[in-house]
Amino acid sequence: MNNMMNKAQNASFKYWQTRTIISTIIIYATFYLVRKNLSMAMPDLQADLGISKAELGLFLTLHGVVYGVSKFLSGFAADRLNARHMLVVALLLCSICNFIFGLSSSILALGIIWVFNGFWGYLSVFATGWGVGYVTDMFGWSYSLGIIFVSGVIGSLIFAMAWSSKSDGYEVG
């Protein structure tokens, strides 16, 4: 590819390539922040709301099943929609699910919200359309970065503060 571009085009390509990879790594790591944080809050959910391990297990199971269904449906959406828009919408919807989850205390509401979070999370996978090599390795690293962030930072925040973002009595469900 470099043989077909002049120096200015090559420099522009490298700039945008690097910017795109860094942005995508940050976004994919952020998806782990909004999709993989329930396990950190489970002990507090059990203590504060009396949610059983079986109910939490059901949340996680349904989240996984819906995530799998989303994989199938997202493939069709990716063929028809702008991948960048899908990525932004999916991250926004997962973030909204997390925000509403923090305002809720009903077991049914928490379960439904978490299942929806699983549905929106898979839309992110189709954002790039890139397959193998260096770029795939970088995305793999972003997943690890996200897990480290969720486990370390979010776990510490939940320990220090609480799982819930309720304030002044506002509550959903």
N, C-alpha and C. Protein backbone atom coordinates (compact mmCIF):
# COMPACT_ATOMS: atom_id res chain seq x y z
N MET A 1 0.83 -1.19 0.00
CA MET A 1 0.00 0.00 0.00
C MET A 1 0.87 1.25 0.00
N ASN A 2 1.98 1.22 0.73
CA ASN A 2 2.85 2.38 0.82
C ASN A 2 3.44 2.77 -0.53
N ASN A 3 3.64 1.79 -1.43
CA ASN A 3 4.21 2.08 -2.74
C ASN A 3 3.26 2.89 -3.61
N MET A 4 1.98 2.84 -3.34
CA MET A 4 0.99 3.51 -4.17
C MET A 4 0.65 4.91 -3.67
N MET A 5 1.16 5.31 -2.51
CA MET A 5 0.85 6.61 -1.93
C MET A 5 2.09 7.49 -1.93
N ASN A 6 1.86 8.79 -2.11
CA ASN A 6 2.98 9.71 -1.96
C ASN A 6 3.23 9.93 -0.46
N LYS A 7 4.25 10.70 -0.12
CA LYS A 7 4.62 10.89 1.28
C LYS A 7 3.51 11.55 2.09
N ALA A 8 2.84 12.53 1.53
CA ALA A 8 1.76 13.22 2.25
C ALA A 8 0.60 12.27 2.51
N GLN A 9 0.25 11.47 1.52
CA GLN A 9 -0.84 10.51 1.71
C GLN A 9 -0.46 9.46 2.74
N ASN A 10 0.79 9.01 2.68
CA ASN A 10 1.26 8.01 3.64
C ASN A 10 1.23 8.56 5.06
N ALA A 11 1.66 9.81 5.23
CA ALA A 11 1.65 10.43 6.56
C ALA A 11 0.21 10.59 7.06
N SER A 12 -0.69 11.00 6.19
CA SER A 12 -2.10 11.15 6.57
C SER A 12 -2.70 9.80 6.94
N PHE A 13 -2.38 8.79 6.14
CA PHE A 13 -2.88 7.45 6.41
C PHE A 13 -2.41 6.96 7.78
N LYS A 14 -1.12 7.10 8.07
CA LYS A 14 -0.57 6.66 9.36
C LYS A 14 -1.22 7.41 10.52
N TYR A 15 -1.43 8.73 10.35
CA TYR A 15 -2.08 9.53 11.39
C TYR A 15 -3.48 8.99 11.69
N TRP A 16 -4.27 8.80 10.65
CA TRP A 16 -5.65 8.35 10.86
C TRP A 16 -5.71 6.89 11.31
N GLN A 17 -4.78 6.08 10.85
CA GLN A 17 -4.73 4.69 11.28
C GLN A 17 -4.46 4.62 12.79
N THR A 18 -3.48 5.35 13.25
CA THR A 18 -3.14 5.36 14.67
C THR A 18 -4.29 5.93 15.49
N ARG A 19 -4.85 7.01 15.05
CA ARG A 19 -5.98 7.63 15.76
C ARG A 19 -7.18 6.68 15.84
N THR A 20 -7.47 6.00 14.76
CA THR A 20 -8.59 5.06 14.73
C THR A 20 -8.35 3.89 15.68
N ILE A 21 -7.14 3.35 15.67
CA ILE A 21 -6.84 2.20 16.54
C ILE A 21 -6.92 2.61 18.01
N ILE A 22 -6.34 3.74 18.37
CA ILE A 22 -6.38 4.19 19.77
C ILE A 22 -7.81 4.47 20.20
N SER A 23 -8.58 5.14 19.37
CA SER A 23 -9.98 5.43 19.70
C SER A 23 -10.78 4.15 19.88
N THR A 24 -10.56 3.20 19.00
CA THR A 24 -11.30 1.94 19.07
C THR A 24 -10.92 1.14 20.31
N ILE A 25 -9.64 1.15 20.67
CA ILE A 25 -9.20 0.46 21.89
C ILE A 25 -9.91 1.06 23.11
N ILE A 26 -9.96 2.36 23.18
CA ILE A 26 -10.62 3.03 24.31
C ILE A 26 -12.11 2.69 24.33
N ILE A 27 -12.74 2.71 23.19
CA ILE A 27 -14.18 2.43 23.12
C ILE A 27 -14.47 0.98 23.49
N TYR A 28 -13.69 0.04 22.95
CA TYR A 28 -13.92 -1.36 23.29
C TYR A 28 -13.66 -1.63 24.77
N ALA A 29 -12.63 -1.02 25.33
CA ALA A 29 -12.38 -1.16 26.77
C ALA A 29 -13.54 -0.59 27.56
N THR A 30 -14.11 0.49 27.09
CA THR A 30 -15.26 1.10 27.76
C THR A 30 -16.47 0.18 27.72
N PHE A 31 -16.61 -0.60 26.65
CA PHE A 31 -17.71 -1.56 26.60
C PHE A 31 -17.62 -2.56 27.75
N TYR A 32 -16.41 -2.94 28.12
CA TYR A 32 -16.28 -3.84 29.26
C TYR A 32 -16.69 -3.15 30.55
N LEU A 33 -16.46 -1.88 30.62
CA LEU A 33 -16.87 -1.11 31.79
C LEU A 33 -18.40 -1.18 31.97
N VAL A 34 -19.15 -1.11 30.89
CA VAL A 34 -20.61 -1.08 30.99
C VAL A 34 -21.26 -2.46 30.84
N ARG A 35 -20.48 -3.49 30.47
CA ARG A 35 -21.07 -4.80 30.29
C ARG A 35 -20.61 -5.84 31.31
N LYS A 36 -19.46 -5.66 31.89
CA LYS A 36 -18.89 -6.70 32.75
C LYS A 36 -18.75 -6.27 34.19
N ASN A 37 -19.60 -5.39 34.65
CA ASN A 37 -19.43 -4.86 36.00
C ASN A 37 -20.38 -5.48 37.02
N LEU A 38 -21.30 -6.29 36.61
CA LEU A 38 -22.27 -6.86 37.55
C LEU A 38 -21.60 -7.76 38.58
N SER A 39 -20.61 -8.54 38.15
CA SER A 39 -19.96 -9.45 39.10
C SER A 39 -19.33 -8.71 40.27
N MET A 40 -18.90 -7.48 40.03
CA MET A 40 -18.32 -6.67 41.11
C MET A 40 -19.39 -6.23 42.12
N ALA A 41 -20.60 -6.04 41.64
CA ALA A 41 -21.66 -5.53 42.51
C ALA A 41 -22.50 -6.64 43.13
N MET A 42 -22.31 -7.88 42.70
CA MET A 42 -23.18 -8.97 43.17
C MET A 42 -23.19 -9.14 44.69
N PRO A 43 -22.07 -9.11 45.38
CA PRO A 43 -22.15 -9.26 46.84
C PRO A 43 -22.98 -8.16 47.51
N ASP A 44 -22.85 -6.92 47.03
CA ASP A 44 -23.64 -5.83 47.60
C ASP A 44 -25.11 -5.95 47.22
N LEU A 45 -25.39 -6.41 46.02
CA LEU A 45 -26.79 -6.62 45.62
C LEU A 45 -27.44 -7.67 46.52
N GLN A 46 -26.69 -8.71 46.83
CA GLN A 46 -27.22 -9.74 47.73
C GLN A 46 -27.48 -9.16 49.12
N ALA A 47 -26.54 -8.41 49.63
CA ALA A 47 -26.67 -7.87 50.98
C ALA A 47 -27.73 -6.77 51.07
N ASP A 48 -27.73 -5.85 50.12
CA ASP A 48 -28.63 -4.69 50.18
C ASP A 48 -30.07 -5.01 49.79
N LEU A 49 -30.22 -5.86 48.78
CA LEU A 49 -31.57 -6.10 48.24
C LEU A 49 -32.08 -7.50 48.50
N GLY A 50 -31.25 -8.35 49.06
CA GLY A 50 -31.68 -9.71 49.33
C GLY A 50 -31.82 -10.55 48.08
N ILE A 51 -31.10 -10.20 47.03
CA ILE A 51 -31.16 -10.98 45.80
C ILE A 51 -30.35 -12.25 46.00
N SER A 52 -30.94 -13.37 45.65
CA SER A 52 -30.28 -14.65 45.86
C SER A 52 -29.25 -14.92 44.76
N LYS A 53 -28.37 -15.87 45.02
CA LYS A 53 -27.38 -16.27 44.02
C LYS A 53 -28.08 -16.85 42.80
N ALA A 54 -29.19 -17.55 43.02
CA ALA A 54 -29.94 -18.12 41.89
C ALA A 54 -30.49 -17.01 41.00
N GLU A 55 -31.00 -15.95 41.60
CA GLU A 55 -31.53 -14.83 40.81
C GLU A 55 -30.41 -14.12 40.05
N LEU A 56 -29.28 -13.91 40.71
CA LEU A 56 -28.14 -13.31 40.03
C LEU A 56 -27.64 -14.22 38.91
N GLY A 57 -27.65 -15.50 39.16
CA GLY A 57 -27.27 -16.47 38.12
C GLY A 57 -28.21 -16.40 36.93
N LEU A 58 -29.50 -16.22 37.21
CA LEU A 58 -30.47 -16.07 36.13
C LEU A 58 -30.20 -14.80 35.33
N PHE A 59 -29.87 -13.70 36.01
CA PHE A 59 -29.50 -12.44 35.31
C PHE A 59 -28.36 -12.71 34.33
N LEU A 60 -27.31 -13.38 34.85
CA LEU A 60 -26.12 -13.61 34.03
C LEU A 60 -26.41 -14.59 32.89
N THR A 61 -27.22 -15.60 33.16
CA THR A 61 -27.57 -16.57 32.12
C THR A 61 -28.39 -15.91 31.01
N LEU A 62 -29.41 -15.17 31.39
CA LEU A 62 -30.24 -14.50 30.39
C LEU A 62 -29.43 -13.44 29.64
N HIS A 63 -28.55 -12.76 30.33
CA HIS A 63 -27.66 -11.79 29.69
C HIS A 63 -26.85 -12.49 28.60
N GLY A 64 -26.31 -13.67 28.91
CA GLY A 64 -25.52 -14.42 27.93
C GLY A 64 -26.35 -14.92 26.76
N VAL A 65 -27.56 -15.39 27.04
CA VAL A 65 -28.44 -15.87 25.97
C VAL A 65 -28.82 -14.71 25.05
N VAL A 66 -29.22 -13.60 25.64
CA VAL A 66 -29.62 -12.44 24.84
C VAL A 66 -28.41 -11.89 24.08
N TYR A 67 -27.24 -11.94 24.67
CA TYR A 67 -26.02 -11.52 23.99
C TYR A 67 -25.81 -12.39 22.75
N GLY A 68 -26.05 -13.69 22.88
CA GLY A 68 -25.92 -14.60 21.73
C GLY A 68 -26.94 -14.31 20.64
N VAL A 69 -28.18 -14.04 21.02
CA VAL A 69 -29.20 -13.66 20.04
C VAL A 69 -28.80 -12.35 19.36
N SER A 70 -28.26 -11.45 20.14
CA SER A 70 -27.81 -10.16 19.60
C SER A 70 -26.70 -10.36 18.57
N LYS A 71 -25.83 -11.36 18.78
CA LYS A 71 -24.78 -11.65 17.80
C LYS A 71 -25.41 -11.92 16.43
N PHE A 72 -26.44 -12.74 16.44
CA PHE A 72 -27.11 -13.11 15.19
C PHE A 72 -27.77 -11.89 14.55
N LEU A 73 -28.54 -11.16 15.32
CA LEU A 73 -29.27 -10.01 14.79
C LEU A 73 -28.34 -8.86 14.39
N SER A 74 -27.25 -8.70 15.12
CA SER A 74 -26.31 -7.62 14.82
C SER A 74 -25.64 -7.82 13.48
N GLY A 75 -25.48 -9.06 13.07
CA GLY A 75 -24.91 -9.33 11.75
C GLY A 75 -25.75 -8.72 10.64
N PHE A 76 -27.05 -8.86 10.75
CA PHE A 76 -27.95 -8.25 9.76
C PHE A 76 -27.89 -6.73 9.83
N ALA A 77 -27.86 -6.21 11.03
CA ALA A 77 -27.80 -4.75 11.20
C ALA A 77 -26.50 -4.20 10.64
N ALA A 78 -25.40 -4.90 10.86
CA ALA A 78 -24.10 -4.43 10.40
C ALA A 78 -24.03 -4.34 8.88
N ASP A 79 -24.78 -5.19 8.19
CA ASP A 79 -24.80 -5.14 6.73
C ASP A 79 -25.55 -3.93 6.20
N ARG A 80 -26.39 -3.34 7.02
CA ARG A 80 -27.26 -2.27 6.55
C ARG A 80 -27.00 -0.90 7.17
N LEU A 81 -26.30 -0.86 8.29
CA LEU A 81 -26.13 0.39 9.02
C LEU A 81 -24.67 0.82 9.03
N ASN A 82 -24.44 2.06 9.32
CA ASN A 82 -23.11 2.61 9.45
C ASN A 82 -22.48 2.07 10.74
N ALA A 83 -21.34 1.41 10.60
CA ALA A 83 -20.71 0.75 11.75
C ALA A 83 -20.34 1.74 12.85
N ARG A 84 -19.88 2.92 12.48
CA ARG A 84 -19.51 3.91 13.51
C ARG A 84 -20.73 4.34 14.30
N HIS A 85 -21.85 4.49 13.61
CA HIS A 85 -23.08 4.86 14.31
C HIS A 85 -23.53 3.74 15.24
N MET A 86 -23.40 2.50 14.78
CA MET A 86 -23.77 1.35 15.62
C MET A 86 -22.95 1.34 16.90
N LEU A 87 -21.66 1.62 16.78
CA LEU A 87 -20.77 1.61 17.94
C LEU A 87 -21.20 2.65 18.96
N VAL A 88 -21.46 3.85 18.51
CA VAL A 88 -21.86 4.94 19.41
C VAL A 88 -23.21 4.65 20.04
N VAL A 89 -24.16 4.19 19.24
CA VAL A 89 -25.50 3.89 19.77
C VAL A 89 -25.43 2.76 20.78
N ALA A 90 -24.67 1.72 20.47
CA ALA A 90 -24.56 0.58 21.40
C ALA A 90 -23.93 1.01 22.72
N LEU A 91 -22.87 1.79 22.66
CA LEU A 91 -22.23 2.25 23.91
C LEU A 91 -23.17 3.15 24.71
N LEU A 92 -23.88 4.01 24.02
CA LEU A 92 -24.85 4.88 24.69
C LEU A 92 -25.97 4.07 25.35
N LEU A 93 -26.50 3.08 24.64
CA LEU A 93 -27.59 2.27 25.21
C LEU A 93 -27.10 1.42 26.39
N CYS A 94 -25.89 0.87 26.29
CA CYS A 94 -25.33 0.12 27.43
C CYS A 94 -25.12 1.05 28.63
N SER A 95 -24.67 2.26 28.38
CA SER A 95 -24.46 3.23 29.46
C SER A 95 -25.78 3.60 30.12
N ILE A 96 -26.81 3.80 29.32
CA ILE A 96 -28.14 4.11 29.85
C ILE A 96 -28.65 2.95 30.70
N CYS A 97 -28.46 1.73 30.22
CA CYS A 97 -28.88 0.56 31.00
C CYS A 97 -28.18 0.54 32.36
N ASN A 98 -26.89 0.85 32.38
CA ASN A 98 -26.15 0.87 33.64
C ASN A 98 -26.66 1.97 34.56
N PHE A 99 -26.93 3.12 34.02
CA PHE A 99 -27.44 4.23 34.83
C PHE A 99 -28.79 3.86 35.45
N ILE A 100 -29.70 3.33 34.64
CA ILE A 100 -31.01 2.94 35.15
C ILE A 100 -30.87 1.80 36.16
N PHE A 101 -29.95 0.88 35.92
CA PHE A 101 -29.70 -0.22 36.85
C PHE A 101 -29.35 0.34 38.22
N GLY A 102 -28.50 1.36 38.26
CA GLY A 102 -28.08 1.96 39.52
C GLY A 102 -29.20 2.67 40.26
N LEU A 103 -30.25 3.05 39.54
CA LEU A 103 -31.40 3.72 40.17
C LEU A 103 -32.48 2.74 40.60
N SER A 104 -32.33 1.49 40.25
CA SER A 104 -33.38 0.50 40.48
C SER A 104 -33.12 -0.30 41.75
N SER A 105 -34.19 -0.86 42.30
CA SER A 105 -34.04 -1.77 43.43
C SER A 105 -34.96 -2.97 43.32
N SER A 106 -35.84 -2.97 42.35
CA SER A 106 -36.72 -4.11 42.11
C SER A 106 -35.93 -5.21 41.41
N ILE A 107 -36.05 -6.43 41.90
CA ILE A 107 -35.33 -7.55 41.30
C ILE A 107 -35.73 -7.73 39.84
N LEU A 108 -37.01 -7.62 39.54
CA LEU A 108 -37.48 -7.77 38.17
C LEU A 108 -36.89 -6.67 37.27
N ALA A 109 -36.92 -5.43 37.74
CA ALA A 109 -36.36 -4.32 36.95
C ALA A 109 -34.87 -4.51 36.72
N LEU A 110 -34.15 -4.91 37.76
CA LEU A 110 -32.71 -5.13 37.62
C LEU A 110 -32.43 -6.22 36.59
N GLY A 111 -33.20 -7.30 36.64
CA GLY A 111 -33.01 -8.39 35.69
C GLY A 111 -33.28 -7.97 34.26
N ILE A 112 -34.37 -7.27 34.04
CA ILE A 112 -34.73 -6.82 32.69
C ILE A 112 -33.69 -5.85 32.15
N ILE A 113 -33.27 -4.92 32.99
CA ILE A 113 -32.27 -3.92 32.56
C ILE A 113 -30.96 -4.62 32.18
N TRP A 114 -30.54 -5.60 32.99
CA TRP A 114 -29.28 -6.28 32.71
C TRP A 114 -29.36 -7.10 31.43
N VAL A 115 -30.52 -7.69 31.17
CA VAL A 115 -30.70 -8.45 29.93
C VAL A 115 -30.62 -7.51 28.72
N PHE A 116 -31.24 -6.35 28.81
CA PHE A 116 -31.14 -5.38 27.72
C PHE A 116 -29.69 -4.93 27.52
N ASN A 117 -28.97 -4.78 28.61
CA ASN A 117 -27.56 -4.43 28.52
C ASN A 117 -26.80 -5.46 27.68
N GLY A 118 -27.15 -6.73 27.85
CA GLY A 118 -26.51 -7.78 27.05
C GLY A 118 -26.85 -7.68 25.58
N PHE A 119 -28.07 -7.28 25.28
CA PHE A 119 -28.47 -7.16 23.88
C PHE A 119 -27.68 -6.07 23.16
N TRP A 120 -27.56 -4.91 23.79
CA TRP A 120 -26.90 -3.78 23.12
C TRP A 120 -25.39 -3.97 23.04
N GLY A 121 -24.82 -4.74 23.94
CA GLY A 121 -23.37 -4.88 23.99
C GLY A 121 -22.75 -5.47 22.75
N TYR A 122 -23.44 -6.37 22.09
CA TYR A 122 -22.81 -7.04 20.96
C TYR A 122 -22.76 -6.17 19.71
N LEU A 123 -23.55 -5.13 19.64
CA LEU A 123 -23.51 -4.26 18.47
C LEU A 123 -22.12 -3.69 18.24
N SER A 124 -21.34 -3.60 19.29
CA SER A 124 -20.00 -3.01 19.17
C SER A 124 -19.07 -3.85 18.32
N VAL A 125 -19.27 -5.15 18.27
CA VAL A 125 -18.34 -6.03 17.59
C VAL A 125 -18.27 -5.75 16.09
N PHE A 126 -19.35 -5.28 15.52
CA PHE A 126 -19.38 -5.08 14.09
C PHE A 126 -18.94 -3.68 13.67
N ALA A 127 -18.38 -2.95 14.58
CA ALA A 127 -18.05 -1.56 14.30
C ALA A 127 -16.89 -1.39 13.33
N THR A 128 -16.00 -2.34 13.26
CA THR A 128 -14.80 -2.11 12.46
C THR A 128 -14.80 -2.85 11.14
N GLY A 129 -15.24 -4.10 11.12
CA GLY A 129 -15.14 -4.89 9.91
C GLY A 129 -13.72 -5.35 9.64
N TRP A 130 -12.78 -5.14 10.57
CA TRP A 130 -11.40 -5.57 10.38
C TRP A 130 -11.26 -6.99 10.88
N GLY A 131 -10.44 -7.78 10.22
CA GLY A 131 -10.38 -9.18 10.55
C GLY A 131 -9.18 -9.65 11.31
N VAL A 132 -8.00 -9.69 10.70
CA VAL A 132 -6.88 -10.40 11.31
C VAL A 132 -5.66 -9.50 11.41
N GLY A 133 -4.68 -10.00 12.14
CA GLY A 133 -3.40 -9.32 12.19
C GLY A 133 -3.27 -8.35 13.33
N TYR A 134 -2.51 -7.31 13.08
CA TYR A 134 -2.17 -6.32 14.09
C TYR A 134 -3.39 -5.70 14.72
N VAL A 135 -4.36 -5.34 13.90
CA VAL A 135 -5.56 -4.66 14.41
C VAL A 135 -6.31 -5.59 15.36
N THR A 136 -6.46 -6.86 15.00
CA THR A 136 -7.14 -7.81 15.86
C THR A 136 -6.39 -7.98 17.18
N ASP A 137 -5.06 -8.03 17.10
CA ASP A 137 -4.27 -8.11 18.33
C ASP A 137 -4.52 -6.90 19.23
N MET A 138 -4.64 -5.74 18.64
CA MET A 138 -4.89 -4.52 19.42
C MET A 138 -6.27 -4.57 20.08
N PHE A 139 -7.26 -5.12 19.36
CA PHE A 139 -8.58 -5.22 19.97
C PHE A 139 -8.57 -6.22 21.11
N GLY A 140 -7.84 -7.31 20.96
CA GLY A 140 -7.70 -8.27 22.04
C GLY A 140 -7.10 -7.63 23.28
N TRP A 141 -6.13 -6.75 23.06
CA TRP A 141 -5.53 -6.02 24.17
C TRP A 141 -6.54 -5.09 24.82
N SER A 142 -7.42 -4.49 24.02
CA SER A 142 -8.40 -3.57 24.60
C SER A 142 -9.39 -4.32 25.49
N TYR A 143 -9.71 -5.57 25.15
CA TYR A 143 -10.59 -6.35 26.02
C TYR A 143 -9.91 -6.58 27.36
N SER A 144 -8.63 -6.94 27.31
CA SER A 144 -7.88 -7.14 28.56
C SER A 144 -7.82 -5.87 29.38
N LEU A 145 -7.58 -4.76 28.71
CA LEU A 145 -7.56 -3.47 29.40
C LEU A 145 -8.90 -3.19 30.07
N GLY A 146 -9.97 -3.48 29.37
CA GLY A 146 -11.31 -3.26 29.94
C GLY A 146 -11.56 -4.13 31.16
N ILE A 147 -11.17 -5.39 31.10
CA ILE A 147 -11.36 -6.29 32.24
C ILE A 147 -10.53 -5.82 33.43
N ILE A 148 -9.31 -5.41 33.18
CA ILE A 148 -8.46 -4.91 34.26
C ILE A 148 -9.11 -3.68 34.89
N PHE A 149 -9.61 -2.79 34.06
CA PHE A 149 -10.23 -1.57 34.56
C PHE A 149 -11.47 -1.89 35.38
N VAL A 150 -12.32 -2.76 34.85
CA VAL A 150 -13.54 -3.12 35.57
C VAL A 150 -13.20 -3.78 36.90
N SER A 151 -12.29 -4.73 36.86
CA SER A 151 -11.95 -5.46 38.08
C SER A 151 -11.29 -4.57 39.12
N GLY A 152 -10.35 -3.77 38.70
CA GLY A 152 -9.61 -2.96 39.65
C GLY A 152 -10.32 -1.70 40.07
N VAL A 153 -10.58 -0.85 39.13
CA VAL A 153 -11.13 0.47 39.45
C VAL A 153 -12.58 0.38 39.90
N ILE A 154 -13.40 -0.27 39.12
CA ILE A 154 -14.82 -0.34 39.47
C ILE A 154 -15.02 -1.16 40.73
N GLY A 155 -14.27 -2.25 40.88
CA GLY A 155 -14.35 -3.02 42.11
C GLY A 155 -14.01 -2.18 43.33
N SER A 156 -12.99 -1.36 43.21
CA SER A 156 -12.60 -0.48 44.31
C SER A 156 -13.67 0.57 44.60
N LEU A 157 -14.26 1.12 43.53
CA LEU A 157 -15.32 2.12 43.72
C LEU A 157 -16.54 1.51 44.40
N ILE A 158 -16.92 0.30 43.98
CA ILE A 158 -18.07 -0.35 44.60
C ILE A 158 -17.78 -0.63 46.07
N PHE A 159 -16.55 -1.07 46.36
CA PHE A 159 -16.18 -1.34 47.74
C PHE A 159 -16.22 -0.07 48.57
N ALA A 160 -15.72 1.03 48.00
CA ALA A 160 -15.63 2.29 48.75
C ALA A 160 -16.97 3.01 48.86
N MET A 161 -17.82 2.89 47.86
CA MET A 161 -19.05 3.69 47.84
C MET A 161 -20.29 2.79 47.98
N ALA A 162 -20.71 2.18 46.93
CA ALA A 162 -21.85 1.26 46.92
C ALA A 162 -22.15 0.91 45.48
N TRP A 163 -22.97 -0.08 45.28
CA TRP A 163 -23.32 -0.48 43.92
C TRP A 163 -24.33 0.47 43.30
N SER A 164 -25.11 1.13 44.09
CA SER A 164 -26.25 1.91 43.61
C SER A 164 -25.89 3.38 43.40
N SER A 165 -26.53 3.98 42.40
CA SER A 165 -26.35 5.41 42.18
C SER A 165 -27.58 6.19 42.62
N LYS A 166 -28.41 5.56 43.46
CA LYS A 166 -29.62 6.23 43.95
C LYS A 166 -29.24 7.45 44.77
N SER A 167 -30.00 8.51 44.58
CA SER A 167 -29.80 9.69 45.41
C SER A 167 -31.12 10.40 45.58
N ASP A 168 -31.35 10.91 46.74
CA ASP A 168 -32.55 11.67 47.05
C ASP A 168 -33.85 10.91 46.77
N GLY A 169 -33.80 9.59 46.88
CA GLY A 169 -35.02 8.81 46.78
C GLY A 169 -35.52 8.54 45.36
N TYR A 170 -34.80 8.96 44.31
CA TYR A 170 -35.23 8.65 42.96
C TYR A 170 -34.98 7.18 42.71
N GLU A 171 -35.94 6.51 42.18
CA GLU A 171 -35.82 5.08 42.01
C GLU A 171 -36.66 4.62 40.82
N VAL A 172 -36.13 3.69 40.05
CA VAL A 172 -36.85 3.10 38.92
C VAL A 172 -37.19 1.68 39.31
N GLY A 173 -38.42 1.28 39.08
CA GLY A 173 -38.82 -0.11 39.34
C GLY A 173 -39.18 -0.30 40.75
